[in-house]
N, C-alpha and C. Protein backbone atom coordinates (compact mmCIF):
# COMPACT_ATOMS: atom_id res chain seq x y z
N MET A 1 -14.83 -7.83 -0.36
CA MET A 1 -13.68 -6.94 -0.44
C MET A 1 -14.10 -5.64 -1.12
N ALA A 2 -13.40 -4.61 -0.84
CA ALA A 2 -13.71 -3.29 -1.38
C ALA A 2 -13.47 -3.24 -2.89
N SER A 3 -14.24 -2.41 -3.55
CA SER A 3 -14.11 -2.23 -4.98
C SER A 3 -14.53 -0.81 -5.33
N LYS A 4 -14.41 -0.48 -6.60
CA LYS A 4 -14.81 0.86 -7.06
C LYS A 4 -16.30 1.08 -6.78
N GLN A 5 -17.10 0.05 -6.98
CA GLN A 5 -18.54 0.17 -6.75
C GLN A 5 -18.84 0.42 -5.26
N SER A 6 -18.09 -0.24 -4.38
CA SER A 6 -18.33 -0.02 -2.95
C SER A 6 -17.93 1.40 -2.54
N ILE A 7 -16.88 1.93 -3.16
CA ILE A 7 -16.48 3.31 -2.88
C ILE A 7 -17.59 4.26 -3.35
N GLN A 8 -18.11 4.00 -4.55
CA GLN A 8 -19.18 4.86 -5.08
C GLN A 8 -20.41 4.83 -4.17
N GLU A 9 -20.75 3.65 -3.68
CA GLU A 9 -21.90 3.53 -2.79
C GLU A 9 -21.63 4.24 -1.46
N ASP A 10 -20.44 4.06 -0.91
CA ASP A 10 -20.08 4.75 0.33
C ASP A 10 -20.06 6.26 0.13
N LEU A 11 -19.65 6.71 -1.04
CA LEU A 11 -19.63 8.14 -1.35
C LEU A 11 -21.06 8.70 -1.35
N LYS A 12 -21.98 7.97 -1.96
CA LYS A 12 -23.38 8.41 -1.97
C LYS A 12 -23.92 8.55 -0.54
N GLN A 13 -23.61 7.54 0.28
CA GLN A 13 -24.08 7.56 1.67
C GLN A 13 -23.48 8.73 2.45
N SER A 14 -22.20 8.99 2.24
CA SER A 14 -21.56 10.09 2.97
C SER A 14 -22.09 11.45 2.51
N MET A 15 -22.44 11.54 1.22
CA MET A 15 -23.03 12.78 0.72
C MET A 15 -24.42 13.01 1.33
N LEU A 16 -25.18 11.94 1.45
CA LEU A 16 -26.51 12.05 2.06
C LEU A 16 -26.41 12.46 3.53
N LYS A 17 -25.38 11.96 4.21
CA LYS A 17 -25.18 12.29 5.63
C LYS A 17 -24.46 13.63 5.82
N LYS A 18 -24.02 14.21 4.69
CA LYS A 18 -23.30 15.49 4.71
C LYS A 18 -22.01 15.40 5.55
N ASP A 19 -21.34 14.27 5.41
CA ASP A 19 -20.05 14.04 6.09
C ASP A 19 -18.94 14.53 5.15
N GLU A 20 -18.51 15.76 5.36
CA GLU A 20 -17.56 16.40 4.44
C GLU A 20 -16.22 15.69 4.37
N LEU A 21 -15.68 15.29 5.52
CA LEU A 21 -14.38 14.62 5.54
C LEU A 21 -14.43 13.31 4.74
N ARG A 22 -15.43 12.50 5.04
CA ARG A 22 -15.58 11.21 4.35
C ARG A 22 -15.84 11.42 2.85
N THR A 23 -16.69 12.37 2.52
CA THR A 23 -17.02 12.64 1.12
C THR A 23 -15.76 13.06 0.35
N GLY A 24 -15.01 13.98 0.91
CA GLY A 24 -13.78 14.44 0.24
C GLY A 24 -12.76 13.34 0.07
N THR A 25 -12.59 12.54 1.12
CA THR A 25 -11.63 11.44 1.06
C THR A 25 -12.03 10.40 0.02
N LEU A 26 -13.30 10.06 0.00
CA LEU A 26 -13.78 9.06 -0.96
C LEU A 26 -13.70 9.58 -2.39
N ARG A 27 -13.94 10.87 -2.57
CA ARG A 27 -13.80 11.45 -3.91
C ARG A 27 -12.35 11.35 -4.39
N MET A 28 -11.40 11.65 -3.49
CA MET A 28 -9.99 11.55 -3.86
C MET A 28 -9.61 10.10 -4.17
N LEU A 29 -10.11 9.18 -3.38
CA LEU A 29 -9.82 7.76 -3.61
C LEU A 29 -10.43 7.29 -4.93
N LEU A 30 -11.65 7.70 -5.19
CA LEU A 30 -12.32 7.33 -6.44
C LEU A 30 -11.55 7.89 -7.64
N ALA A 31 -11.06 9.11 -7.51
CA ALA A 31 -10.26 9.72 -8.59
C ALA A 31 -8.97 8.93 -8.80
N ALA A 32 -8.33 8.50 -7.73
CA ALA A 32 -7.09 7.73 -7.85
C ALA A 32 -7.35 6.39 -8.55
N VAL A 33 -8.44 5.73 -8.18
CA VAL A 33 -8.79 4.45 -8.80
C VAL A 33 -9.13 4.68 -10.28
N SER A 34 -9.88 5.72 -10.58
CA SER A 34 -10.24 6.02 -11.97
C SER A 34 -9.00 6.33 -12.80
N ASN A 35 -8.05 7.06 -12.22
CA ASN A 35 -6.80 7.35 -12.93
C ASN A 35 -6.02 6.09 -13.24
N LYS A 36 -6.00 5.15 -12.30
CA LYS A 36 -5.33 3.86 -12.54
C LYS A 36 -6.01 3.12 -13.68
N GLU A 37 -7.34 3.15 -13.71
CA GLU A 37 -8.08 2.48 -14.78
C GLU A 37 -7.79 3.13 -16.13
N LYS A 38 -7.74 4.45 -16.16
CA LYS A 38 -7.45 5.16 -17.42
C LYS A 38 -6.05 4.84 -17.90
N GLU A 39 -5.12 4.78 -16.97
CA GLU A 39 -3.74 4.43 -17.33
C GLU A 39 -3.67 3.02 -17.91
N LYS A 40 -4.40 2.11 -17.29
CA LYS A 40 -4.43 0.73 -17.77
C LYS A 40 -5.10 0.64 -19.14
N ARG A 41 -6.18 1.40 -19.34
CA ARG A 41 -6.88 1.42 -20.63
C ARG A 41 -5.97 1.97 -21.72
N TYR A 42 -5.23 3.02 -21.40
CA TYR A 42 -4.32 3.63 -22.37
C TYR A 42 -3.24 2.62 -22.79
N LYS A 43 -2.67 1.94 -21.80
CA LYS A 43 -1.64 0.94 -22.12
C LYS A 43 -2.21 -0.19 -22.98
N ALA A 44 -3.43 -0.61 -22.68
CA ALA A 44 -4.06 -1.68 -23.47
C ALA A 44 -4.34 -1.21 -24.89
N SER A 45 -4.74 0.05 -25.05
CA SER A 45 -5.03 0.56 -26.39
C SER A 45 -3.75 0.70 -27.22
N LYS A 46 -2.64 0.99 -26.57
CA LYS A 46 -1.36 1.10 -27.29
C LYS A 46 -0.83 -0.29 -27.65
N ALA A 47 -1.03 -1.24 -26.75
CA ALA A 47 -0.55 -2.60 -27.00
C ALA A 47 -1.38 -3.30 -28.08
N GLU A 48 -2.69 -3.05 -28.07
CA GLU A 48 -3.59 -3.68 -29.04
C GLU A 48 -4.53 -2.62 -29.62
N PRO A 49 -4.08 -1.88 -30.63
CA PRO A 49 -4.88 -0.76 -31.17
C PRO A 49 -6.20 -1.17 -31.82
N THR A 50 -6.38 -2.45 -32.11
CA THR A 50 -7.60 -2.88 -32.79
C THR A 50 -8.74 -3.26 -31.84
N LEU A 51 -8.53 -3.14 -30.56
CA LEU A 51 -9.55 -3.52 -29.58
C LEU A 51 -10.76 -2.60 -29.66
N ALA A 52 -11.93 -3.19 -29.50
CA ALA A 52 -13.17 -2.42 -29.45
C ALA A 52 -13.28 -1.75 -28.07
N GLU A 53 -14.13 -0.76 -27.97
CA GLU A 53 -14.27 0.00 -26.72
C GLU A 53 -14.68 -0.90 -25.55
N GLN A 54 -15.57 -1.86 -25.80
CA GLN A 54 -15.99 -2.76 -24.73
C GLN A 54 -14.84 -3.63 -24.25
N GLU A 55 -14.01 -4.08 -25.19
CA GLU A 55 -12.85 -4.89 -24.80
C GLU A 55 -11.85 -4.06 -24.00
N LEU A 56 -11.67 -2.81 -24.43
CA LEU A 56 -10.78 -1.91 -23.69
C LEU A 56 -11.30 -1.68 -22.27
N GLN A 57 -12.61 -1.49 -22.17
CA GLN A 57 -13.23 -1.27 -20.86
C GLN A 57 -12.98 -2.47 -19.95
N ALA A 58 -13.15 -3.67 -20.51
CA ALA A 58 -12.94 -4.88 -19.72
C ALA A 58 -11.48 -5.02 -19.29
N LYS A 59 -10.56 -4.68 -20.18
CA LYS A 59 -9.13 -4.78 -19.85
C LYS A 59 -8.67 -3.71 -18.88
N SER A 60 -9.45 -2.64 -18.75
CA SER A 60 -9.03 -1.54 -17.88
C SER A 60 -9.49 -1.71 -16.44
N GLU A 61 -10.34 -2.70 -16.19
CA GLU A 61 -10.79 -2.93 -14.82
C GLU A 61 -9.61 -3.39 -13.97
N LEU A 62 -9.53 -2.84 -12.77
CA LEU A 62 -8.40 -3.15 -11.88
C LEU A 62 -8.60 -4.49 -11.20
N SER A 63 -7.51 -5.21 -11.07
CA SER A 63 -7.54 -6.44 -10.28
C SER A 63 -7.58 -6.04 -8.81
N LEU A 64 -7.80 -7.00 -7.94
CA LEU A 64 -7.84 -6.73 -6.51
C LEU A 64 -6.51 -6.14 -6.05
N GLN A 65 -5.40 -6.70 -6.54
CA GLN A 65 -4.08 -6.20 -6.15
C GLN A 65 -3.86 -4.77 -6.64
N GLU A 66 -4.27 -4.48 -7.86
CA GLU A 66 -4.12 -3.12 -8.40
C GLU A 66 -4.98 -2.12 -7.62
N PHE A 67 -6.18 -2.56 -7.23
CA PHE A 67 -7.05 -1.71 -6.42
C PHE A 67 -6.39 -1.42 -5.08
N GLN A 68 -5.87 -2.47 -4.44
CA GLN A 68 -5.21 -2.29 -3.15
C GLN A 68 -3.96 -1.42 -3.27
N ASP A 69 -3.26 -1.53 -4.39
CA ASP A 69 -2.09 -0.68 -4.62
C ASP A 69 -2.50 0.79 -4.69
N ALA A 70 -3.63 1.07 -5.34
CA ALA A 70 -4.12 2.45 -5.45
C ALA A 70 -4.48 3.00 -4.07
N VAL A 71 -5.16 2.18 -3.27
CA VAL A 71 -5.53 2.61 -1.91
C VAL A 71 -4.28 2.79 -1.06
N SER A 72 -3.34 1.86 -1.17
CA SER A 72 -2.09 1.95 -0.41
C SER A 72 -1.32 3.21 -0.76
N SER A 73 -1.34 3.57 -2.02
CA SER A 73 -0.67 4.79 -2.47
C SER A 73 -1.29 6.02 -1.81
N GLU A 74 -2.61 6.04 -1.71
CA GLU A 74 -3.29 7.15 -1.05
C GLU A 74 -2.97 7.19 0.44
N VAL A 75 -2.88 6.02 1.06
CA VAL A 75 -2.51 5.95 2.48
C VAL A 75 -1.10 6.51 2.67
N LYS A 76 -0.21 6.13 1.78
CA LYS A 76 1.18 6.61 1.87
C LYS A 76 1.24 8.13 1.74
N LYS A 77 0.45 8.68 0.84
CA LYS A 77 0.40 10.14 0.69
C LYS A 77 -0.04 10.80 1.99
N ARG A 78 -1.05 10.21 2.64
CA ARG A 78 -1.53 10.77 3.90
C ARG A 78 -0.46 10.67 4.98
N ARG A 79 0.23 9.53 5.02
CA ARG A 79 1.28 9.33 6.04
C ARG A 79 2.38 10.39 5.88
N GLU A 80 2.78 10.64 4.64
CA GLU A 80 3.81 11.65 4.37
C GLU A 80 3.30 13.05 4.71
N ALA A 81 2.03 13.32 4.41
CA ALA A 81 1.46 14.63 4.73
C ALA A 81 1.39 14.84 6.24
N ILE A 82 1.03 13.80 6.97
CA ILE A 82 0.97 13.89 8.44
C ILE A 82 2.34 14.28 8.99
N GLU A 83 3.36 13.59 8.49
CA GLU A 83 4.72 13.88 8.94
C GLU A 83 5.10 15.33 8.65
N GLY A 84 4.79 15.80 7.46
CA GLY A 84 5.10 17.17 7.08
C GLY A 84 4.35 18.19 7.92
N PHE A 85 3.05 17.95 8.14
CA PHE A 85 2.26 18.89 8.93
C PHE A 85 2.72 18.92 10.38
N GLU A 86 3.09 17.75 10.92
CA GLU A 86 3.57 17.72 12.30
C GLU A 86 4.89 18.46 12.44
N LYS A 87 5.77 18.31 11.46
CA LYS A 87 7.04 19.05 11.49
C LYS A 87 6.79 20.55 11.38
N GLY A 88 5.76 20.92 10.63
CA GLY A 88 5.44 22.33 10.43
C GLY A 88 4.57 22.91 11.54
N GLY A 89 4.21 22.10 12.52
CA GLY A 89 3.41 22.59 13.63
C GLY A 89 1.94 22.79 13.30
N ARG A 90 1.45 22.15 12.27
CA ARG A 90 0.04 22.29 11.87
C ARG A 90 -0.74 21.07 12.35
N LYS A 91 -1.06 21.08 13.63
CA LYS A 91 -1.70 19.93 14.28
C LYS A 91 -3.08 19.61 13.72
N GLU A 92 -3.90 20.64 13.43
CA GLU A 92 -5.25 20.39 12.93
C GLU A 92 -5.22 19.69 11.57
N GLN A 93 -4.32 20.17 10.72
CA GLN A 93 -4.22 19.56 9.39
C GLN A 93 -3.69 18.13 9.49
N ALA A 94 -2.74 17.90 10.40
CA ALA A 94 -2.21 16.54 10.61
C ALA A 94 -3.33 15.63 11.11
N GLU A 95 -4.16 16.13 11.99
CA GLU A 95 -5.27 15.33 12.52
C GLU A 95 -6.27 14.98 11.42
N LYS A 96 -6.54 15.93 10.53
CA LYS A 96 -7.45 15.68 9.40
C LYS A 96 -6.88 14.57 8.51
N GLU A 97 -5.58 14.63 8.25
CA GLU A 97 -4.93 13.61 7.42
C GLU A 97 -4.99 12.25 8.11
N LYS A 98 -4.84 12.22 9.42
CA LYS A 98 -4.93 10.95 10.17
C LYS A 98 -6.32 10.35 10.03
N GLN A 99 -7.34 11.20 10.12
CA GLN A 99 -8.72 10.72 9.98
C GLN A 99 -8.95 10.16 8.58
N GLU A 100 -8.42 10.85 7.57
CA GLU A 100 -8.55 10.36 6.20
C GLU A 100 -7.84 9.02 6.04
N MET A 101 -6.64 8.91 6.62
CA MET A 101 -5.86 7.67 6.51
C MET A 101 -6.62 6.51 7.16
N GLU A 102 -7.22 6.76 8.32
CA GLU A 102 -8.00 5.71 9.00
C GLU A 102 -9.16 5.25 8.13
N LEU A 103 -9.81 6.20 7.47
CA LEU A 103 -10.91 5.88 6.58
C LEU A 103 -10.43 5.00 5.42
N LEU A 104 -9.27 5.33 4.87
CA LEU A 104 -8.72 4.57 3.75
C LEU A 104 -8.35 3.14 4.16
N PHE A 105 -7.93 2.97 5.41
CA PHE A 105 -7.57 1.63 5.88
C PHE A 105 -8.75 0.66 5.78
N SER A 106 -9.97 1.18 5.84
CA SER A 106 -11.14 0.30 5.76
C SER A 106 -11.28 -0.34 4.38
N TYR A 107 -10.55 0.17 3.38
CA TYR A 107 -10.59 -0.39 2.03
C TYR A 107 -9.39 -1.30 1.75
N LEU A 108 -8.59 -1.56 2.79
CA LEU A 108 -7.44 -2.45 2.66
C LEU A 108 -7.65 -3.67 3.55
N PRO A 109 -6.90 -4.75 3.28
CA PRO A 109 -6.96 -5.90 4.19
C PRO A 109 -6.45 -5.48 5.57
N ALA A 110 -6.76 -6.28 6.57
CA ALA A 110 -6.30 -5.98 7.93
C ALA A 110 -4.78 -5.79 7.94
N GLN A 111 -4.34 -4.75 8.62
CA GLN A 111 -2.92 -4.42 8.67
C GLN A 111 -2.22 -5.29 9.71
N LEU A 112 -0.99 -5.66 9.40
CA LEU A 112 -0.18 -6.45 10.32
C LEU A 112 0.31 -5.56 11.46
N SER A 113 0.37 -6.13 12.65
CA SER A 113 0.90 -5.38 13.79
C SER A 113 2.43 -5.41 13.72
N GLU A 114 3.08 -4.56 14.52
CA GLU A 114 4.55 -4.55 14.55
C GLU A 114 5.08 -5.90 14.99
N ASP A 115 4.41 -6.54 15.96
CA ASP A 115 4.85 -7.85 16.43
C ASP A 115 4.77 -8.90 15.32
N GLU A 116 3.70 -8.84 14.54
CA GLU A 116 3.55 -9.79 13.43
C GLU A 116 4.63 -9.55 12.37
N ILE A 117 4.94 -8.29 12.11
CA ILE A 117 5.99 -7.97 11.15
C ILE A 117 7.34 -8.47 11.66
N ARG A 118 7.61 -8.22 12.95
CA ARG A 118 8.88 -8.70 13.54
C ARG A 118 9.01 -10.22 13.39
N GLN A 119 7.92 -10.92 13.64
CA GLN A 119 7.96 -12.38 13.52
C GLN A 119 8.21 -12.79 12.07
N LEU A 120 7.57 -12.13 11.13
CA LEU A 120 7.82 -12.42 9.71
C LEU A 120 9.28 -12.19 9.36
N VAL A 121 9.83 -11.07 9.83
CA VAL A 121 11.24 -10.76 9.54
C VAL A 121 12.13 -11.85 10.12
N LYS A 122 11.88 -12.24 11.36
CA LYS A 122 12.69 -13.30 11.98
C LYS A 122 12.60 -14.60 11.19
N ASP A 123 11.39 -14.94 10.74
CA ASP A 123 11.21 -16.16 9.95
C ASP A 123 11.99 -16.10 8.64
N VAL A 124 11.97 -14.93 7.99
CA VAL A 124 12.69 -14.77 6.72
C VAL A 124 14.19 -14.87 6.96
N VAL A 125 14.67 -14.24 8.02
CA VAL A 125 16.11 -14.30 8.32
C VAL A 125 16.53 -15.75 8.57
N VAL A 126 15.73 -16.48 9.33
CA VAL A 126 16.04 -17.89 9.59
C VAL A 126 16.07 -18.68 8.29
N SER A 127 15.09 -18.44 7.42
CA SER A 127 15.04 -19.20 6.16
C SER A 127 16.21 -18.83 5.25
N LEU A 128 16.62 -17.57 5.27
CA LEU A 128 17.75 -17.14 4.42
C LEU A 128 19.08 -17.66 4.96
N ARG A 129 19.17 -17.93 6.24
CA ARG A 129 20.39 -18.51 6.80
C ARG A 129 20.62 -19.91 6.23
N GLU A 130 19.53 -20.56 5.88
CA GLU A 130 19.62 -21.92 5.35
C GLU A 130 20.00 -21.92 3.87
N ILE A 131 19.89 -20.76 3.19
CA ILE A 131 20.24 -20.65 1.78
C ILE A 131 21.42 -19.68 1.68
N PRO A 132 22.64 -20.18 1.70
CA PRO A 132 23.80 -19.27 1.73
C PRO A 132 24.02 -18.58 0.39
N ARG A 133 24.58 -17.36 0.48
CA ARG A 133 25.06 -16.68 -0.72
C ARG A 133 26.37 -17.35 -1.09
N SER A 134 26.79 -17.17 -2.32
CA SER A 134 28.06 -17.77 -2.72
C SER A 134 29.19 -17.11 -1.94
N GLY A 135 30.07 -17.93 -1.37
CA GLY A 135 31.24 -17.44 -0.67
C GLY A 135 31.02 -17.01 0.76
N THR A 136 29.84 -17.30 1.35
CA THR A 136 29.62 -16.91 2.74
C THR A 136 29.19 -18.13 3.54
N LYS A 137 29.32 -18.00 4.84
CA LYS A 137 28.83 -19.04 5.74
C LYS A 137 27.31 -18.89 5.84
N THR A 138 26.64 -19.96 6.19
CA THR A 138 25.18 -19.90 6.26
C THR A 138 24.68 -19.01 7.39
N GLU A 139 25.45 -18.82 8.45
CA GLU A 139 24.95 -18.02 9.58
C GLU A 139 25.21 -16.52 9.42
N ASP A 140 25.90 -16.11 8.35
CA ASP A 140 26.23 -14.70 8.16
C ASP A 140 25.08 -13.94 7.48
N ILE A 141 24.24 -13.33 8.27
CA ILE A 141 23.18 -12.46 7.74
C ILE A 141 23.47 -11.08 8.33
N SER A 142 23.64 -10.10 7.44
CA SER A 142 24.00 -8.75 7.90
C SER A 142 23.22 -7.72 7.09
N MET A 143 23.60 -6.46 7.28
CA MET A 143 22.94 -5.36 6.56
C MET A 143 23.10 -5.53 5.05
N LYS A 144 24.12 -6.24 4.62
CA LYS A 144 24.31 -6.49 3.18
C LYS A 144 23.14 -7.29 2.60
N ASP A 145 22.46 -8.01 3.46
CA ASP A 145 21.38 -8.90 3.02
C ASP A 145 20.01 -8.24 3.06
N ILE A 146 19.96 -6.95 3.33
CA ILE A 146 18.66 -6.28 3.46
C ILE A 146 17.84 -6.41 2.17
N GLY A 147 18.49 -6.38 1.02
CA GLY A 147 17.78 -6.54 -0.25
C GLY A 147 17.16 -7.91 -0.39
N ARG A 148 17.89 -8.94 0.01
CA ARG A 148 17.36 -10.31 -0.03
C ARG A 148 16.16 -10.44 0.90
N ILE A 149 16.30 -9.89 2.10
CA ILE A 149 15.23 -9.99 3.09
C ILE A 149 13.99 -9.25 2.61
N MET A 150 14.18 -8.02 2.15
CA MET A 150 13.04 -7.23 1.68
C MET A 150 12.40 -7.86 0.44
N GLY A 151 13.22 -8.49 -0.39
CA GLY A 151 12.70 -9.16 -1.58
C GLY A 151 11.73 -10.28 -1.24
N VAL A 152 11.95 -10.93 -0.11
CA VAL A 152 11.05 -11.98 0.35
C VAL A 152 9.85 -11.39 1.09
N LEU A 153 10.11 -10.34 1.88
CA LEU A 153 9.05 -9.76 2.71
C LEU A 153 8.02 -8.95 1.95
N VAL A 154 8.45 -8.19 0.95
CA VAL A 154 7.53 -7.28 0.26
C VAL A 154 6.30 -8.01 -0.29
N PRO A 155 6.44 -9.13 -0.99
CA PRO A 155 5.22 -9.80 -1.47
C PRO A 155 4.32 -10.29 -0.33
N GLN A 156 4.92 -10.64 0.81
CA GLN A 156 4.14 -11.14 1.94
C GLN A 156 3.39 -10.03 2.67
N THR A 157 3.94 -8.80 2.62
CA THR A 157 3.35 -7.72 3.39
C THR A 157 2.64 -6.67 2.54
N LYS A 158 2.70 -6.80 1.23
CA LYS A 158 2.13 -5.79 0.33
C LYS A 158 0.65 -5.59 0.63
N GLY A 159 0.28 -4.35 0.90
CA GLY A 159 -1.10 -4.02 1.21
C GLY A 159 -1.50 -4.30 2.65
N LYS A 160 -0.63 -5.00 3.38
CA LYS A 160 -0.94 -5.37 4.76
C LYS A 160 -0.08 -4.62 5.76
N ALA A 161 0.98 -3.97 5.26
CA ALA A 161 1.89 -3.23 6.15
C ALA A 161 2.60 -2.16 5.35
N ASP A 162 2.95 -1.09 6.02
CA ASP A 162 3.69 0.00 5.40
C ASP A 162 5.12 -0.47 5.13
N GLY A 163 5.57 -0.31 3.90
CA GLY A 163 6.90 -0.74 3.52
C GLY A 163 7.99 -0.08 4.33
N ALA A 164 7.80 1.19 4.68
CA ALA A 164 8.79 1.90 5.49
C ALA A 164 8.90 1.28 6.88
N LEU A 165 7.77 0.87 7.44
CA LEU A 165 7.79 0.22 8.76
C LEU A 165 8.49 -1.14 8.67
N VAL A 166 8.21 -1.89 7.63
CA VAL A 166 8.86 -3.19 7.44
C VAL A 166 10.38 -2.99 7.33
N SER A 167 10.78 -2.04 6.52
CA SER A 167 12.21 -1.75 6.34
C SER A 167 12.86 -1.34 7.66
N LYS A 168 12.17 -0.50 8.41
CA LYS A 168 12.69 -0.04 9.71
C LYS A 168 12.90 -1.23 10.65
N ILE A 169 11.94 -2.13 10.70
CA ILE A 169 12.04 -3.30 11.59
C ILE A 169 13.17 -4.22 11.14
N VAL A 170 13.32 -4.41 9.82
CA VAL A 170 14.42 -5.23 9.30
C VAL A 170 15.75 -4.63 9.75
N LYS A 171 15.91 -3.33 9.56
CA LYS A 171 17.16 -2.67 9.94
C LYS A 171 17.42 -2.78 11.43
N GLU A 172 16.37 -2.61 12.25
CA GLU A 172 16.52 -2.74 13.70
C GLU A 172 17.01 -4.13 14.07
N LEU A 173 16.38 -5.15 13.49
CA LEU A 173 16.74 -6.52 13.84
C LEU A 173 18.15 -6.88 13.34
N LEU A 174 18.54 -6.34 12.19
CA LEU A 174 19.88 -6.65 11.68
C LEU A 174 20.98 -5.92 12.46
N THR A 175 20.68 -4.73 12.94
CA THR A 175 21.72 -3.98 13.68
C THR A 175 21.77 -4.37 15.14
N SER A 176 20.74 -5.05 15.65
CA SER A 176 20.73 -5.43 17.07
C SER A 176 21.52 -6.69 17.35
N LYS A 177 22.03 -7.31 16.30
CA LYS A 177 22.77 -8.56 16.50
C LYS A 177 24.16 -8.31 16.98
């Protein structure tokens, strides 16, 4: 799985190949990961002021989930930038952001397809029908239940699918009934 060390190694390789797009993207990703580590180190130092520097360093290392969250955050930034550039008619800049986003996906687990997300949503809806809310029939699942559905889906799809896409599919399936 990807890690800070693998990003650093990939950065060295891209610099040797003089791949400007890859180099710039990896530098931004490395900065985002480093910022997360610094934030974690700061919180650890405030929680336990007596820790030695080595202990702080060990506590500041990102878990796999935290690393994936940092990469996902960068992907989300690119997705939003693409949307903005396309609305503004800046096709070249949108294309550059798409290329960066594709590069970032290589540091995340395989992404779920729309069909896989739809199936997950259907499975969650079926399971929630079996657990009624107080005062409702078991078959009543509506837009009011979007929070319950997303609460179950988010942990299952985190890092594997865009939350906005998951939400969109949930809304589509709930309104199509």
